[in-house]
Structures are given as structure tokens and as C-alpha cells.
Amino acid sequence: MGLHVMLEVLVPAREQMGGIYALVVFALFPLSYWLFGKDSIEDDFELSTVCHRPEGLEKLQEQTKFTKKELQVLYRGFKNECPSGVVNEDTFKVIYSQFFPQGDSSTYAHFLFEAFDTNKNGSVSFEDFVIGLSIILRGTINDRLNWAFNLYDLNKDGCITKEEMLDIMKSIYDMMGKYTYPCMQEDAPREHVETFFQKMDRNNDGVVTIDEFIESCQKDENIMQSMQLFDNVI
């Protein structure tokens, strides 16, 4: 599915509850295209001399839902773009600035990098990257929802506040830039957050827990449909 086709599908639906998940996963498309869009791959899983050497192919096949060929594609693209074997936050920002030149993608790239940087050491290894990408694109419903929750939970305290969700939504709208204007009203991100909390915050305590998030998403037909849009992205 091409970038502009995905925009046509998702932007009109952004006011729906499912659009919250769809927009976030859609925004991951540049990362998969960044690597899977590269030219051909060699048959063997080549490990060149880099600062960080990834785990063996067989182990990564066990840890992810990618095939051997897909891992070869991913590693070749990763190695070409990141000879050191790791990605830093600036690289994420460069990738997104290229895919979304009409907007400001720096804040969303920061949030996304934080979600991939599971070790919190300021870099994302090849293993970190493919394991996260596998969850997002090939994981079970629960796996994907857990990953999305972690992205929204900016301070990683186990719950999502309105402020955190608003920061995420603003960053996505800022990134999409002209594709959302003039259709989008200035207060659209805040309204989207209010809709999110009306559906998700079951006990009205002002925060959304992981249990509330997963239960609400599984009961929302729009969210379930939006997740299926990305089953064949790569």
C-alpha cells in the first residue's frame, strides 16, 4: 500500500475512534519502507564488521514473525543506512523529515524512538528494531495493543494521561501537515483525546490503564478494522 493511498484511507477516518490506532501505525510506514524499499538482497544473511553485531538469523527468526528472506532484506537495509549497527534519534528524525516534508515530524520521531529504545541507552540496535517492527506488523492483537499503549505512555508509569495522549496526537497532526489542512480544525487533537478518554477511561479516574485500553480496543470495531489495514504493509 503506497503512502498516498494510505493517507487517503486514514485521513478521512481520523475522527473515528479507530483512527487513533490507525494513524499511529500508519506513521510507522516510513520505517518499514526505509528498509524494505531497498534494492535486492543476497541469499546469505551477511554480517559485516560493525560496532554492533546482531543476533544470529535463526534466533531472530524465533523472536520475530519475519521470514529468513525478510530478515535478510531488513539487515541489508539497516547495515547500509547504519554502518555502526545502531540507530540514534537523529536518524529517526531524518527518516521522518524525508517522508513528511510538508509537516514537522521531529516530535513524533522522538516519541517513536523512545518506544523502540527498550534499553533506554540512546540507541536502537537491529534486534530492537526488527522485534518491534514484527510486533507492530505481525503480532497478535494483544501484542500490537500492548506496543501501542507503551508508545502512548510517555513516562512509562503504566497509565496514559490526557496530556500524554494530547502530545501524541499533536505530534501526528504536526507531522502530517498539509494533508490534514484545511479539513482539520485547530482543536481537533484535543477533541480526539476527549473521545479517546470517554471510551477508554472506564472508571473515570482521569487515566487509562493497560487493562482499560486493551478491553476497550477489542470491543471497538473501528480499531480492529484499522489494525487489519496493516497486515500486508510488507
C-alpha atoms as a PDB file:
ATOM      1  CA  MET A   1       0.000   0.000   0.000  1.00  0.00           C
ATOM      2  CA  GLY A   2       1.519   3.303  -1.118  1.00  0.00           C
ATOM      3  CA  LEU A   3       1.999   6.281   1.143  1.00  0.00           C
ATOM      4  CA  HIS A   4      -0.596   8.464  -0.541  1.00  0.00           C
ATOM      5  CA  VAL A   5      -3.155   5.658  -0.752  1.00  0.00           C
ATOM      6  CA  MET A   6      -2.776   5.085   2.967  1.00  0.00           C
ATOM      7  CA  LEU A   7      -3.266   8.786   3.595  1.00  0.00           C
ATOM      8  CA  GLU A   8      -6.494   8.756   1.571  1.00  0.00           C
ATOM      9  CA  VAL A   9      -7.754   5.846   3.649  1.00  0.00           C
ATOM     10  CA  LEU A  10      -6.779   7.153   7.051  1.00  0.00           C
ATOM     11  CA  VAL A  11      -7.117  10.921   6.987  1.00  0.00           C
ATOM     12  CA  PRO A  12     -10.891  10.974   6.347  1.00  0.00           C
ATOM     13  CA  ALA A  13     -11.342   8.435   9.149  1.00  0.00           C
ATOM     14  CA  ARG A  14      -9.218  10.260  11.699  1.00  0.00           C
ATOM     15  CA  GLU A  15     -12.250  11.423  13.670  1.00  0.00           C
ATOM     16  CA  GLN A  16     -13.282   7.834  14.262  1.00  0.00           C
ATOM     17  CA  MET A  17     -12.014   6.038  17.339  1.00  0.00           C
ATOM     18  CA  GLY A  18     -10.177   3.537  15.191  1.00  0.00           C
ATOM     19  CA  GLY A  19      -8.262   6.349  13.577  1.00  0.00           C
ATOM     20  CA  ILE A  20      -6.219   6.786  16.742  1.00  0.00           C
ATOM     21  CA  TYR A  21      -4.599   3.405  16.298  1.00  0.00           C
ATOM     22  CA  ALA A  22      -4.564   3.601  12.514  1.00  0.00           C
ATOM     23  CA  LEU A  23      -2.761   6.919  12.408  1.00  0.00           C
ATOM     24  CA  VAL A  24      -0.089   5.727  14.799  1.00  0.00           C
ATOM     25  CA  VAL A  25       0.606   2.509  12.912  1.00  0.00           C
ATOM     26  CA  PHE A  26       0.420   4.324   9.579  1.00  0.00           C
ATOM     27  CA  ALA A  27       3.108   6.648  10.882  1.00  0.00           C
ATOM     28  CA  LEU A  28       5.381   3.585  11.191  1.00  0.00           C
ATOM     29  CA  PHE A  29       5.186   3.009   7.441  1.00  0.00           C
ATOM     30  CA  PRO A  30       8.348   5.047   6.694  1.00  0.00           C
ATOM     31  CA  LEU A  31      10.424   2.762   8.915  1.00  0.00           C
ATOM     32  CA  SER A  32       9.362  -0.374   7.061  1.00  0.00           C
ATOM     33  CA  TYR A  33       9.701   1.273   3.651  1.00  0.00           C
ATOM     34  CA  TRP A  34      13.073   2.718   4.667  1.00  0.00           C
ATOM     35  CA  LEU A  35      14.460  -0.806   4.872  1.00  0.00           C
ATOM     36  CA  PHE A  36      12.135  -2.995   2.798  1.00  0.00           C
ATOM     37  CA  GLY A  37      12.226  -0.462  -0.024  1.00  0.00           C
ATOM     38  CA  LYS A  38      15.909  -1.116  -0.642  1.00  0.00           C
ATOM     39  CA  ASP A  39      17.239  -2.968  -3.643  1.00  0.00           C
ATOM     40  CA  SER A  40      17.869  -6.686  -3.840  1.00  0.00           C
ATOM     41  CA  ILE A  41      19.423  -8.838  -1.149  1.00  0.00           C
ATOM     42  CA  GLU A  42      21.990 -11.564  -1.164  1.00  0.00           C
ATOM     43  CA  ASP A  43      20.903 -15.096  -0.326  1.00  0.00           C
ATOM     44  CA  ASP A  44      23.006 -15.355   2.801  1.00  0.00           C
ATOM     45  CA  PHE A  45      22.474 -13.400   5.997  1.00  0.00           C
ATOM     46  CA  GLU A  46      25.623 -11.335   5.771  1.00  0.00           C
ATOM     47  CA  LEU A  47      27.200  -9.976   8.949  1.00  0.00           C
ATOM     48  CA  SER A  48      29.787  -7.355   8.159  1.00  0.00           C
ATOM     49  CA  THR A  49      32.207  -5.887  10.658  1.00  0.00           C
ATOM     50  CA  VAL A  50      30.144  -3.339  12.547  1.00  0.00           C
ATOM     51  CA  CYS A  51      30.242  -1.868  16.011  1.00  0.00           C
ATOM     52  CA  HIS A  52      27.170  -3.846  16.967  1.00  0.00           C
ATOM     53  CA  ARG A  53      26.698  -7.344  15.594  1.00  0.00           C
ATOM     54  CA  PRO A  54      23.107  -8.630  15.627  1.00  0.00           C
ATOM     55  CA  GLU A  55      21.976 -11.981  16.893  1.00  0.00           C
ATOM     56  CA  GLY A  56      22.144 -14.926  14.504  1.00  0.00           C
ATOM     57  CA  LEU A  57      19.469 -15.298  11.853  1.00  0.00           C
ATOM     58  CA  GLU A  58      17.902 -18.378  13.399  1.00  0.00           C
ATOM     59  CA  LYS A  59      17.470 -16.689  16.768  1.00  0.00           C
ATOM     60  CA  LEU A  60      15.874 -13.629  15.175  1.00  0.00           C
ATOM     61  CA  GLN A  61      13.514 -15.880  13.214  1.00  0.00           C
ATOM     62  CA  GLU A  62      12.432 -17.384  16.532  1.00  0.00           C
ATOM     63  CA  GLN A  63      11.985 -13.969  18.140  1.00  0.00           C
ATOM     64  CA  THR A  64      10.065 -12.403  15.246  1.00  0.00           C
ATOM     65  CA  LYS A  65       7.480 -13.329  12.641  1.00  0.00           C
ATOM     66  CA  PHE A  66       9.684 -12.394   9.719  1.00  0.00           C
ATOM     67  CA  THR A  67      10.945 -14.964   7.232  1.00  0.00           C
ATOM     68  CA  LYS A  68      14.612 -15.549   6.521  1.00  0.00           C
ATOM     69  CA  LYS A  69      14.348 -13.558   3.301  1.00  0.00           C
ATOM     70  CA  GLU A  70      12.622 -10.660   5.036  1.00  0.00           C
ATOM     71  CA  LEU A  71      15.290 -10.562   7.722  1.00  0.00           C
ATOM     72  CA  GLN A  72      17.925 -10.516   5.003  1.00  0.00           C
ATOM     73  CA  VAL A  73      16.216  -7.513   3.417  1.00  0.00           C
ATOM     74  CA  LEU A  74      15.930  -5.760   6.729  1.00  0.00           C
ATOM     75  CA  TYR A  75      19.523  -6.352   7.711  1.00  0.00           C
ATOM     76  CA  ARG A  76      20.918  -5.267   4.361  1.00  0.00           C
ATOM     77  CA  GLY A  77      18.936  -2.023   4.509  1.00  0.00           C
ATOM     78  CA  PHE A  78      19.815  -1.465   8.156  1.00  0.00           C
ATOM     79  CA  LYS A  79      23.515  -2.086   7.551  1.00  0.00           C
ATOM     80  CA  ASN A  80      23.598   0.208   4.518  1.00  0.00           C
ATOM     81  CA  GLU A  81      21.933   3.058   6.371  1.00  0.00           C
ATOM     82  CA  CYS A  82      23.579   2.448   9.748  1.00  0.00           C
ATOM     83  CA  PRO A  83      27.091   1.006   9.314  1.00  0.00           C
ATOM     84  CA  SER A  84      27.672   1.253  13.067  1.00  0.00           C
ATOM     85  CA  GLY A  85      24.906  -1.298  13.635  1.00  0.00           C
ATOM     86  CA  VAL A  86      22.719   1.025  15.707  1.00  0.00           C
ATOM     87  CA  VAL A  87      20.291   3.866  15.026  1.00  0.00           C
ATOM     88  CA  ASN A  88      20.166   7.048  17.061  1.00  0.00           C
ATOM     89  CA  GLU A  89      17.334   9.514  17.467  1.00  0.00           C
ATOM     90  CA  ASP A  90      18.697  11.882  14.835  1.00  0.00           C
ATOM     91  CA  THR A  91      18.409   9.103  12.251  1.00  0.00           C
ATOM     92  CA  PHE A  92      14.735   8.621  13.099  1.00  0.00           C
ATOM     93  CA  LYS A  93      14.184  12.353  12.649  1.00  0.00           C
ATOM     94  CA  VAL A  94      15.928  12.368   9.278  1.00  0.00           C
ATOM     95  CA  ILE A  95      13.823   9.433   8.046  1.00  0.00           C
ATOM     96  CA  TYR A  96      10.566  11.126   9.008  1.00  0.00           C
ATOM     97  CA  SER A  97      11.557  14.542   7.689  1.00  0.00           C
ATOM     98  CA  GLN A  98      12.084  12.909   4.284  1.00  0.00           C
ATOM     99  CA  PHE A  99       8.725  11.142   4.284  1.00  0.00           C
ATOM    100  CA  PHE A 100       6.742  14.049   5.734  1.00  0.00           C
ATOM    101  CA  PRO A 101       8.376  17.210   4.326  1.00  0.00           C
ATOM    102  CA  GLN A 102       5.019  19.005   4.481  1.00  0.00           C
ATOM    103  CA  GLY A 103       4.969  18.915   8.277  1.00  0.00           C
ATOM    104  CA  ASP A 104       7.112  18.847  11.393  1.00  0.00           C
ATOM    105  CA  SER A 105       7.811  15.213  12.242  1.00  0.00           C
ATOM    106  CA  SER A 106      10.533  15.735  14.853  1.00  0.00           C
ATOM    107  CA  THR A 107       8.324  15.292  17.926  1.00  0.00           C
ATOM    108  CA  TYR A 108       6.675  12.118  16.677  1.00  0.00           C
ATOM    109  CA  ALA A 109      10.068  10.719  15.654  1.00  0.00           C
ATOM    110  CA  HIS A 110      11.255  11.375  19.211  1.00  0.00           C
ATOM    111  CA  PHE A 111       8.291   9.518  20.734  1.00  0.00           C
ATOM    112  CA  LEU A 112       8.727   6.618  18.336  1.00  0.00           C
ATOM    113  CA  PHE A 113      12.441   6.371  19.030  1.00  0.00           C
ATOM    114  CA  GLU A 114      11.707   6.230  22.763  1.00  0.00           C
ATOM    115  CA  ALA A 115       9.331   3.314  22.155  1.00  0.00           C
ATOM    116  CA  PHE A 116      11.943   1.366  20.153  1.00  0.00           C
ATOM    117  CA  ASP A 117      14.783   2.170  22.552  1.00  0.00           C
ATOM    118  CA  THR A 118      13.758  -0.510  25.036  1.00  0.00           C
ATOM    119  CA  ASN A 119      17.114  -0.472  26.820  1.00  0.00           C
ATOM    120  CA  LYS A 120      16.996   3.323  27.235  1.00  0.00           C
ATOM    121  CA  ASN A 121      20.608   3.679  26.148  1.00  0.00           C
ATOM    122  CA  GLY A 122      20.067   6.264  23.433  1.00  0.00           C
ATOM    123  CA  SER A 123      20.326   3.856  20.503  1.00  0.00           C
ATOM    124  CA  VAL A 124      18.262   1.214  18.716  1.00  0.00           C
ATOM    125  CA  SER A 125      20.002  -1.979  17.642  1.00  0.00           C
ATOM    126  CA  PHE A 126      18.982  -4.156  14.724  1.00  0.00           C
ATOM    127  CA  GLU A 127      17.405  -6.623  17.166  1.00  0.00           C
ATOM    128  CA  ASP A 128      15.419  -3.850  18.870  1.00  0.00           C
ATOM    129  CA  PHE A 129      14.208  -2.640  15.518  1.00  0.00           C
ATOM    130  CA  VAL A 130      13.079  -5.921  13.968  1.00  0.00           C
ATOM    131  CA  ILE A 131      11.492  -7.214  17.169  1.00  0.00           C
ATOM    132  CA  GLY A 132       9.455  -4.015  17.494  1.00  0.00           C
ATOM    133  CA  LEU A 133       8.539  -3.974  13.809  1.00  0.00           C
ATOM    134  CA  SER A 134       7.470  -7.616  13.990  1.00  0.00           C
ATOM    135  CA  ILE A 135       5.113  -6.864  16.877  1.00  0.00           C
ATOM    136  CA  ILE A 136       3.602  -3.871  15.123  1.00  0.00           C
ATOM    137  CA  LEU A 137       3.076  -5.542  11.757  1.00  0.00           C
ATOM    138  CA  ARG A 138       2.767  -9.257  12.526  1.00  0.00           C
ATOM    139  CA  GLY A 139       1.971  -9.552  16.232  1.00  0.00           C
ATOM    140  CA  THR A 140      -1.236 -10.749  17.841  1.00  0.00           C
ATOM    141  CA  ILE A 141      -3.947  -8.240  18.691  1.00  0.00           C
ATOM    142  CA  ASN A 142      -2.746  -8.126  22.296  1.00  0.00           C
ATOM    143  CA  ASP A 143       0.878  -7.729  21.237  1.00  0.00           C
ATOM    144  CA  ARG A 144       0.053  -4.788  18.990  1.00  0.00           C
ATOM    145  CA  LEU A 145      -2.142  -3.113  21.560  1.00  0.00           C
ATOM    146  CA  ASN A 146       0.483  -3.504  24.262  1.00  0.00           C
ATOM    147  CA  TRP A 147       3.041  -1.892  21.974  1.00  0.00           C
ATOM    148  CA  ALA A 148       0.691   0.990  21.132  1.00  0.00           C
ATOM    149  CA  PHE A 149      -0.058   1.511  24.828  1.00  0.00           C
ATOM    150  CA  ASN A 150       3.652   1.708  25.560  1.00  0.00           C
ATOM    151  CA  LEU A 151       4.031   4.355  22.867  1.00  0.00           C
ATOM    152  CA  TYR A 152       1.217   6.470  24.360  1.00  0.00           C
ATOM    153  CA  ASP A 153       2.510   6.026  27.908  1.00  0.00           C
ATOM    154  CA  LEU A 154       5.255   8.585  27.513  1.00  0.00           C
ATOM    155  CA  ASN A 155       6.620   8.482  31.050  1.00  0.00           C
ATOM    156  CA  LYS A 156       6.215   4.677  31.273  1.00  0.00           C
ATOM    157  CA  ASP A 157       4.310   4.772  34.580  1.00  0.00           C
ATOM    158  CA  GLY A 158       1.704   2.233  33.474  1.00  0.00           C
ATOM    159  CA  CYS A 159      -1.127   4.589  32.557  1.00  0.00           C
ATOM    160  CA  ILE A 160      -1.994   7.117  29.863  1.00  0.00           C
ATOM    161  CA  THR A 161      -2.996  10.653  30.845  1.00  0.00           C
ATOM    162  CA  LYS A 162      -4.852  13.152  28.697  1.00  0.00           C
ATOM    163  CA  GLU A 163      -1.688  15.217  28.479  1.00  0.00           C
ATOM    164  CA  GLU A 164       0.296  12.268  27.123  1.00  0.00           C
ATOM    165  CA  MET A 165      -2.339  11.386  24.548  1.00  0.00           C
ATOM    166  CA  LEU A 166      -2.636  15.025  23.511  1.00  0.00           C
ATOM    167  CA  ASP A 167       1.124  15.233  22.987  1.00  0.00           C
ATOM    168  CA  ILE A 168       0.997  12.140  20.768  1.00  0.00           C
ATOM    169  CA  MET A 169      -1.963  13.355  18.721  1.00  0.00           C
ATOM    170  CA  LYS A 170      -0.473  16.813  18.214  1.00  0.00           C
ATOM    171  CA  SER A 171       2.783  15.268  17.067  1.00  0.00           C
ATOM    172  CA  ILE A 172       0.957  13.127  14.477  1.00  0.00           C
ATOM    173  CA  TYR A 173      -1.101  16.021  13.137  1.00  0.00           C
ATOM    174  CA  ASP A 174       2.008  18.230  13.037  1.00  0.00           C
ATOM    175  CA  MET A 175       3.812  15.513  11.103  1.00  0.00           C
ATOM    176  CA  MET A 176       1.052  15.083   8.537  1.00  0.00           C
ATOM    177  CA  GLY A 177       0.969  18.825   7.961  1.00  0.00           C
ATOM    178  CA  LYS A 178      -0.811  19.939   4.810  1.00  0.00           C
ATOM    179  CA  TYR A 179      -2.531  16.564   4.343  1.00  0.00           C
ATOM    180  CA  THR A 180      -4.813  17.416   7.269  1.00  0.00           C
ATOM    181  CA  TYR A 181      -5.488  21.030   6.341  1.00  0.00           C
ATOM    182  CA  PRO A 182      -7.824  22.848   5.870  1.00  0.00           C
ATOM    183  CA  CYS A 183     -10.080  19.950   6.868  1.00  0.00           C
ATOM    184  CA  MET A 184      -8.707  19.690  10.382  1.00  0.00           C
ATOM    185  CA  GLN A 185      -9.829  22.221  12.933  1.00  0.00           C
ATOM    186  CA  GLU A 186      -7.264  23.625  15.346  1.00  0.00           C
ATOM    187  CA  ASP A 187      -8.869  21.905  18.325  1.00  0.00           C
ATOM    188  CA  ALA A 188      -9.167  18.509  16.566  1.00  0.00           C
ATOM    189  CA  PRO A 189      -6.348  16.833  18.529  1.00  0.00           C
ATOM    190  CA  ARG A 190      -7.933  17.786  21.858  1.00  0.00           C
ATOM    191  CA  GLU A 191     -11.366  16.623  20.698  1.00  0.00           C
ATOM    192  CA  HIS A 192      -9.820  13.357  19.580  1.00  0.00           C
ATOM    193  CA  VAL A 193      -8.299  12.897  23.024  1.00  0.00           C
ATOM    194  CA  GLU A 194     -11.631  13.595  24.723  1.00  0.00           C
ATOM    195  CA  THR A 195     -13.258  10.935  22.549  1.00  0.00           C
ATOM    196  CA  PHE A 196     -10.465   8.530  23.440  1.00  0.00           C
ATOM    197  CA  PHE A 197     -10.949   9.038  27.171  1.00  0.00           C
ATOM    198  CA  GLN A 198     -14.745   8.833  27.020  1.00  0.00           C
ATOM    199  CA  LYS A 199     -14.404   5.349  25.556  1.00  0.00           C
ATOM    200  CA  MET A 200     -11.295   4.145  27.367  1.00  0.00           C
ATOM    201  CA  ASP A 201     -11.429   5.585  30.893  1.00  0.00           C
ATOM    202  CA  ARG A 202     -13.981   3.142  32.256  1.00  0.00           C
ATOM    203  CA  ASN A 203     -13.797   4.227  35.919  1.00  0.00           C
ATOM    204  CA  ASN A 204     -13.475   7.950  35.143  1.00  0.00           C
ATOM    205  CA  ASP A 205     -10.330   8.412  37.204  1.00  0.00           C
ATOM    206  CA  GLY A 206      -8.617  10.559  34.579  1.00  0.00           C
ATOM    207  CA  VAL A 207      -6.127   7.940  33.372  1.00  0.00           C
ATOM    208  CA  VAL A 208      -6.289   4.891  31.096  1.00  0.00           C
ATOM    209  CA  THR A 209      -4.662   1.686  32.305  1.00  0.00           C
ATOM    210  CA  ILE A 210      -3.418  -1.116  30.071  1.00  0.00           C
ATOM    211  CA  ASP A 211      -6.416  -3.283  31.004  1.00  0.00           C
ATOM    212  CA  GLU A 212      -8.869  -0.495  30.136  1.00  0.00           C
ATOM    213  CA  PHE A 213      -7.019   0.177  26.899  1.00  0.00           C
ATOM    214  CA  ILE A 214      -6.955  -3.417  25.672  1.00  0.00           C
ATOM    215  CA  GLU A 215     -10.543  -4.152  26.712  1.00  0.00           C
ATOM    216  CA  SER A 216     -11.879  -1.030  25.016  1.00  0.00           C
ATOM    217  CA  CYS A 217      -9.871  -1.556  21.828  1.00  0.00           C
ATOM    218  CA  GLN A 218     -11.009  -5.153  21.485  1.00  0.00           C
ATOM    219  CA  LYS A 219     -14.626  -4.038  21.711  1.00  0.00           C
ATOM    220  CA  ASP A 220     -14.212  -1.252  19.146  1.00  0.00           C
ATOM    221  CA  GLU A 221     -14.918  -2.425  15.604  1.00  0.00           C
ATOM    222  CA  ASN A 222     -13.169   0.565  14.021  1.00  0.00           C
ATOM    223  CA  ILE A 223      -9.939  -0.129  15.896  1.00  0.00           C
ATOM    224  CA  MET A 224      -9.995  -3.805  14.997  1.00  0.00           C
ATOM    225  CA  GLN A 225     -10.549  -2.947  11.335  1.00  0.00           C
ATOM    226  CA  SER A 226      -7.806  -0.333  11.361  1.00  0.00           C
ATOM    227  CA  MET A 227      -5.331  -2.883  12.686  1.00  0.00           C
ATOM    228  CA  GLN A 228      -6.078  -5.194   9.763  1.00  0.00           C
ATOM    229  CA  LEU A 229      -5.166  -2.460   7.264  1.00  0.00           C
ATOM    230  CA  PHE A 230      -1.501  -3.068   8.012  1.00  0.00           C
ATOM    231  CA  ASP A 231      -1.366  -6.840   7.805  1.00  0.00           C
ATOM    232  CA  ASN A 232       0.127  -6.668   4.313  1.00  0.00           C
ATOM    233  CA  VAL A 233       2.177  -3.495   4.525  1.00  0.00           C
ATOM    234  CA  ILE A 234       5.339  -5.522   3.959  1.00  0.00           C
END
